[in-house]
Amino acid sequence: MPIIVALGLHPDARAVFEKHGMGCSTCIGASTESIEAGAIMHCVKADEIVAALNRLLPDL
């Protein structure tokens, strides 16, 4: 999933990325980079970011 899509799913998604050292909301790459690619570039575990983002969404 592109980072920009994740940012648009929940208003607190930006804080999740920032907590993991990723300033994605101001990065031009957010429109094309996947969460995994961004995590790799920032030496962060993508699984941790995805888990934190998933916690923002209500149970379906």
PDB file of N, CA and C in Angstrom:
ATOM      1  N   MET A   1       0.849  -1.171   0.000  1.00  0.00           N
ATOM      2  CA  MET A   1       0.000   0.000   0.000  1.00  0.00           C
ATOM      3  C   MET A   1       0.898   1.238   0.000  1.00  0.00           C
ATOM      4  N   PRO A   2       0.619   2.205  -0.865  1.00  0.00           N
ATOM      5  CA  PRO A   2       1.390   3.451  -0.830  1.00  0.00           C
ATOM      6  C   PRO A   2       1.189   4.181   0.502  1.00  0.00           C
ATOM      7  N   ILE A   3       2.220   4.813   0.965  1.00  0.00           N
ATOM      8  CA  ILE A   3       2.168   5.534   2.234  1.00  0.00           C
ATOM      9  C   ILE A   3       1.059   6.580   2.214  1.00  0.00           C
ATOM     10  N   ILE A   4       0.895   7.271   1.098  1.00  0.00           N
ATOM     11  CA  ILE A   4      -0.114   8.325   1.006  1.00  0.00           C
ATOM     12  C   ILE A   4      -1.520   7.773   1.243  1.00  0.00           C
ATOM     13  N   VAL A   5      -1.771   6.548   0.811  1.00  0.00           N
ATOM     14  CA  VAL A   5      -3.078   5.921   1.038  1.00  0.00           C
ATOM     15  C   VAL A   5      -3.265   5.652   2.530  1.00  0.00           C
ATOM     16  N   ALA A   6      -2.232   5.115   3.169  1.00  0.00           N
ATOM     17  CA  ALA A   6      -2.305   4.852   4.611  1.00  0.00           C
ATOM     18  C   ALA A   6      -2.539   6.147   5.385  1.00  0.00           C
ATOM     19  N   LEU A   7      -1.882   7.219   4.970  1.00  0.00           N
ATOM     20  CA  LEU A   7      -2.062   8.504   5.643  1.00  0.00           C
ATOM     21  C   LEU A   7      -3.497   9.008   5.522  1.00  0.00           C
ATOM     22  N   GLY A   8      -4.155   8.673   4.433  1.00  0.00           N
ATOM     23  CA  GLY A   8      -5.520   9.126   4.217  1.00  0.00           C
ATOM     24  C   GLY A   8      -6.583   8.294   4.911  1.00  0.00           C
ATOM     25  N   LEU A   9      -6.206   7.140   5.438  1.00  0.00           N
ATOM     26  CA  LEU A   9      -7.194   6.257   6.060  1.00  0.00           C
ATOM     27  C   LEU A   9      -7.594   6.670   7.474  1.00  0.00           C
ATOM     28  N   HIS A  10      -6.708   7.360   8.174  1.00  0.00           N
ATOM     29  CA  HIS A  10      -7.003   7.740   9.563  1.00  0.00           C
ATOM     30  C   HIS A  10      -6.185   8.981   9.910  1.00  0.00           C
ATOM     31  N   PRO A  11      -6.771   9.935  10.620  1.00  0.00           N
ATOM     32  CA  PRO A  11      -6.037  11.157  10.951  1.00  0.00           C
ATOM     33  C   PRO A  11      -4.809  10.930  11.842  1.00  0.00           C
ATOM     34  N   ASP A  12      -4.774   9.837  12.585  1.00  0.00           N
ATOM     35  CA  ASP A  12      -3.629   9.567  13.459  1.00  0.00           C
ATOM     36  C   ASP A  12      -2.526   8.760  12.775  1.00  0.00           C
ATOM     37  N   ALA A  13      -2.703   8.412  11.517  1.00  0.00           N
ATOM     38  CA  ALA A  13      -1.678   7.640  10.806  1.00  0.00           C
ATOM     39  C   ALA A  13      -0.370   8.419  10.727  1.00  0.00           C
ATOM     40  N   ARG A  14      -0.467   9.715  10.561  1.00  0.00           N
ATOM     41  CA  ARG A  14       0.738  10.553  10.493  1.00  0.00           C
ATOM     42  C   ARG A  14       1.586  10.374  11.754  1.00  0.00           C
ATOM     43  N   ALA A  15       0.934  10.361  12.907  1.00  0.00           N
ATOM     44  CA  ALA A  15       1.649  10.202  14.176  1.00  0.00           C
ATOM     45  C   ALA A  15       2.335   8.844  14.263  1.00  0.00           C
ATOM     46  N   VAL A  16       1.722   7.816  13.697  1.00  0.00           N
ATOM     47  CA  VAL A  16       2.329   6.479  13.700  1.00  0.00           C
ATOM     48  C   VAL A  16       3.641   6.513  12.921  1.00  0.00           C
ATOM     49  N   PHE A  17       3.612   7.090  11.734  1.00  0.00           N
ATOM     50  CA  PHE A  17       4.835   7.173  10.939  1.00  0.00           C
ATOM     51  C   PHE A  17       5.893   8.017  11.650  1.00  0.00           C
ATOM     52  N   GLU A  18       5.485   9.141  12.217  1.00  0.00           N
ATOM     53  CA  GLU A  18       6.435  10.008  12.913  1.00  0.00           C
ATOM     54  C   GLU A  18       7.039   9.317  14.128  1.00  0.00           C
ATOM     55  N   LYS A  19       6.247   8.540  14.847  1.00  0.00           N
ATOM     56  CA  LYS A  19       6.744   7.808  16.019  1.00  0.00           C
ATOM     57  C   LYS A  19       7.867   6.851  15.629  1.00  0.00           C
ATOM     58  N   HIS A  20       7.798   6.344  14.406  1.00  0.00           N
ATOM     59  CA  HIS A  20       8.812   5.417  13.919  1.00  0.00           C
ATOM     60  C   HIS A  20       9.915   6.124  13.132  1.00  0.00           C
ATOM     61  N   GLY A  21       9.997   7.444  13.257  1.00  0.00           N
ATOM     62  CA  GLY A  21      11.070   8.202  12.623  1.00  0.00           C
ATOM     63  C   GLY A  21      10.875   8.458  11.143  1.00  0.00           C
ATOM     64  N   MET A  22       9.641   8.353  10.690  1.00  0.00           N
ATOM     65  CA  MET A  22       9.350   8.546   9.270  1.00  0.00           C
ATOM     66  C   MET A  22       8.458   9.778   9.106  1.00  0.00           C
ATOM     67  N   GLY A  23       9.005  10.841   8.535  1.00  0.00           N
ATOM     68  CA  GLY A  23       8.233  12.057   8.298  1.00  0.00           C
ATOM     69  C   GLY A  23       7.489  11.997   6.982  1.00  0.00           C
ATOM     70  N   CYS A  24       6.719  10.964   6.805  1.00  0.00           N
ATOM     71  CA  CYS A  24       6.093  10.657   5.512  1.00  0.00           C
ATOM     72  C   CYS A  24       5.114  11.703   5.020  1.00  0.00           C
ATOM     73  N   SER A  25       4.484  12.419   5.910  1.00  0.00           N
ATOM     74  CA  SER A  25       3.467  13.368   5.462  1.00  0.00           C
ATOM     75  C   SER A  25       4.078  14.540   4.705  1.00  0.00           C
ATOM     76  N   THR A  26       5.371  14.757   4.860  1.00  0.00           N
ATOM     77  CA  THR A  26       6.036  15.853   4.156  1.00  0.00           C
ATOM     78  C   THR A  26       6.986  15.363   3.074  1.00  0.00           C
ATOM     79  N   CYS A  27       7.018  14.074   2.848  1.00  0.00           N
ATOM     80  CA  CYS A  27       7.956  13.487   1.880  1.00  0.00           C
ATOM     81  C   CYS A  27       7.283  13.307   0.519  1.00  0.00           C
ATOM     82  N   ILE A  28       7.965  13.709  -0.526  1.00  0.00           N
ATOM     83  CA  ILE A  28       7.426  13.557  -1.876  1.00  0.00           C
ATOM     84  C   ILE A  28       7.289  12.081  -2.255  1.00  0.00           C
ATOM     85  N   GLY A  29       8.092  11.223  -1.663  1.00  0.00           N
ATOM     86  CA  GLY A  29       8.038   9.796  -1.965  1.00  0.00           C
ATOM     87  C   GLY A  29       6.803   9.100  -1.427  1.00  0.00           C
ATOM     88  N   ALA A  30       6.078   9.754  -0.530  1.00  0.00           N
ATOM     89  CA  ALA A  30       4.897   9.131   0.082  1.00  0.00           C
ATOM     90  C   ALA A  30       3.837   8.766  -0.945  1.00  0.00           C
ATOM     91  N   SER A  31       3.825   9.464  -2.060  1.00  0.00           N
ATOM     92  CA  SER A  31       2.801   9.177  -3.068  1.00  0.00           C
ATOM     93  C   SER A  31       3.117   7.936  -3.890  1.00  0.00           C
ATOM     94  N   THR A  32       4.372   7.515  -3.887  1.00  0.00           N
ATOM     95  CA  THR A  32       4.752   6.351  -4.694  1.00  0.00           C
ATOM     96  C   THR A  32       5.348   5.208  -3.891  1.00  0.00           C
ATOM     97  N   GLU A  33       5.898   5.496  -2.733  1.00  0.00           N
ATOM     98  CA  GLU A  33       6.566   4.468  -1.932  1.00  0.00           C
ATOM     99  C   GLU A  33       5.561   3.654  -1.127  1.00  0.00           C
ATOM    100  N   SER A  34       5.823   2.367  -1.028  1.00  0.00           N
ATOM    101  CA  SER A  34       5.009   1.511  -0.167  1.00  0.00           C
ATOM    102  C   SER A  34       5.469   1.677   1.282  1.00  0.00           C
ATOM    103  N   ILE A  35       4.641   1.220   2.194  1.00  0.00           N
ATOM    104  CA  ILE A  35       5.016   1.256   3.604  1.00  0.00           C
ATOM    105  C   ILE A  35       6.296   0.459   3.807  1.00  0.00           C
ATOM    106  N   GLU A  36       6.382  -0.697   3.173  1.00  0.00           N
ATOM    107  CA  GLU A  36       7.571  -1.539   3.314  1.00  0.00           C
ATOM    108  C   GLU A  36       8.815  -0.837   2.787  1.00  0.00           C
ATOM    109  N   ALA A  37       8.728  -0.230   1.610  1.00  0.00           N
ATOM    110  CA  ALA A  37       9.891   0.453   1.031  1.00  0.00           C
ATOM    111  C   ALA A  37      10.324   1.621   1.910  1.00  0.00           C
ATOM    112  N   GLY A  38       9.363   2.370   2.420  1.00  0.00           N
ATOM    113  CA  GLY A  38       9.690   3.481   3.308  1.00  0.00           C
ATOM    114  C   GLY A  38      10.338   3.005   4.592  1.00  0.00           C
ATOM    115  N   ALA A  39       9.832   1.910   5.127  1.00  0.00           N
ATOM    116  CA  ALA A  39      10.403   1.352   6.351  1.00  0.00           C
ATOM    117  C   ALA A  39      11.847   0.920   6.126  1.00  0.00           C
ATOM    118  N   ILE A  40      12.096   0.264   5.005  1.00  0.00           N
ATOM    119  CA  ILE A  40      13.457  -0.176   4.692  1.00  0.00           C
ATOM    120  C   ILE A  40      14.389   1.024   4.590  1.00  0.00           C
ATOM    121  N   MET A  41      13.938   2.078   3.925  1.00  0.00           N
ATOM    122  CA  MET A  41      14.765   3.280   3.764  1.00  0.00           C
ATOM    123  C   MET A  41      15.098   3.928   5.100  1.00  0.00           C
ATOM    124  N   HIS A  42      14.210   3.769   6.078  1.00  0.00           N
ATOM    125  CA  HIS A  42      14.410   4.391   7.387  1.00  0.00           C
ATOM    126  C   HIS A  42      14.877   3.388   8.440  1.00  0.00           C
ATOM    127  N   CYS A  43      15.237   2.180   8.000  1.00  0.00           N
ATOM    128  CA  CYS A  43      15.732   1.130   8.905  1.00  0.00           C
ATOM    129  C   CYS A  43      14.733   0.836  10.032  1.00  0.00           C
ATOM    130  N   VAL A  44      13.473   0.726   9.650  1.00  0.00           N
ATOM    131  CA  VAL A  44      12.391   0.445  10.587  1.00  0.00           C
ATOM    132  C   VAL A  44      11.724  -0.852  10.150  1.00  0.00           C
ATOM    133  N   LYS A  45      11.219  -1.614  11.103  1.00  0.00           N
ATOM    134  CA  LYS A  45      10.511  -2.850  10.770  1.00  0.00           C
ATOM    135  C   LYS A  45       9.111  -2.515  10.265  1.00  0.00           C
ATOM    136  N   ALA A  46       8.842  -2.878   9.029  1.00  0.00           N
ATOM    137  CA  ALA A  46       7.540  -2.591   8.418  1.00  0.00           C
ATOM    138  C   ALA A  46       6.405  -3.233   9.203  1.00  0.00           C
ATOM    139  N   ASP A  47       6.637  -4.421   9.745  1.00  0.00           N
ATOM    140  CA  ASP A  47       5.594  -5.117  10.508  1.00  0.00           C
ATOM    141  C   ASP A  47       5.121  -4.292  11.706  1.00  0.00           C
ATOM    142  N   GLU A  48       6.055  -3.579  12.342  1.00  0.00           N
ATOM    143  CA  GLU A  48       5.691  -2.765  13.500  1.00  0.00           C
ATOM    144  C   GLU A  48       4.810  -1.588  13.089  1.00  0.00           C
ATOM    145  N   ILE A  49       5.142  -0.973  11.960  1.00  0.00           N
ATOM    146  CA  ILE A  49       4.346   0.155  11.473  1.00  0.00           C
ATOM    147  C   ILE A  49       2.957  -0.320  11.065  1.00  0.00           C
ATOM    148  N   VAL A  50       2.903  -1.411  10.327  1.00  0.00           N
ATOM    149  CA  VAL A  50       1.618  -1.941   9.873  1.00  0.00           C
ATOM    150  C   VAL A  50       0.750  -2.325  11.067  1.00  0.00           C
ATOM    151  N   ALA A  51       1.345  -2.946  12.078  1.00  0.00           N
ATOM    152  CA  ALA A  51       0.580  -3.326  13.271  1.00  0.00           C
ATOM    153  C   ALA A  51       0.016  -2.087  13.965  1.00  0.00           C
ATOM    154  N   ALA A  52       0.823  -1.044  14.077  1.00  0.00           N
ATOM    155  CA  ALA A  52       0.360   0.191  14.714  1.00  0.00           C
ATOM    156  C   ALA A  52      -0.745   0.852  13.894  1.00  0.00           C
ATOM    157  N   LEU A  53      -0.608   0.838  12.576  1.00  0.00           N
ATOM    158  CA  LEU A  53      -1.650   1.399  11.713  1.00  0.00           C
ATOM    159  C   LEU A  53      -2.937   0.591  11.828  1.00  0.00           C
ATOM    160  N   ASN A  54      -2.810  -0.722  11.881  1.00  0.00           N
ATOM    161  CA  ASN A  54      -3.993  -1.583  12.001  1.00  0.00           C
ATOM    162  C   ASN A  54      -4.748  -1.333  13.301  1.00  0.00           C
ATOM    163  N   ARG A  55      -4.018  -0.982  14.358  1.00  0.00           N
ATOM    164  CA  ARG A  55      -4.672  -0.701  15.641  1.00  0.00           C
ATOM    165  C   ARG A  55      -5.538   0.564  15.580  1.00  0.00           C
ATOM    166  N   LEU A  56      -5.284   1.419  14.600  1.00  0.00           N
ATOM    167  CA  LEU A  56      -6.095   2.630  14.451  1.00  0.00           C
ATOM    168  C   LEU A  56      -7.480   2.337  13.891  1.00  0.00           C
ATOM    169  N   LEU A  57      -7.589   1.242  13.163  1.00  0.00           N
ATOM    170  CA  LEU A  57      -8.841   0.922  12.483  1.00  0.00           C
ATOM    171  C   LEU A  57      -9.742   0.087  13.384  1.00  0.00           C
ATOM    172  N   PRO A  58     -11.038   0.344  13.343  1.00  0.00           N
ATOM    173  CA  PRO A  58     -11.955  -0.439  14.180  1.00  0.00           C
ATOM    174  C   PRO A  58     -12.034  -1.885  13.697  1.00  0.00           C
ATOM    175  N   ASP A  59     -12.337  -2.760  14.625  1.00  0.00           N
ATOM    176  CA  ASP A  59     -12.522  -4.171  14.258  1.00  0.00           C
ATOM    177  C   ASP A  59     -13.733  -4.302  13.347  1.00  0.00           C
ATOM    178  N   LEU A  60     -13.579  -5.088  12.316  1.00  0.00           N
ATOM    179  CA  LEU A  60     -14.686  -5.299  11.373  1.00  0.00           C
ATOM    180  C   LEU A  60     -15.372  -6.613  11.650  1.00  0.00           C
TER     181      LEU A  60
END
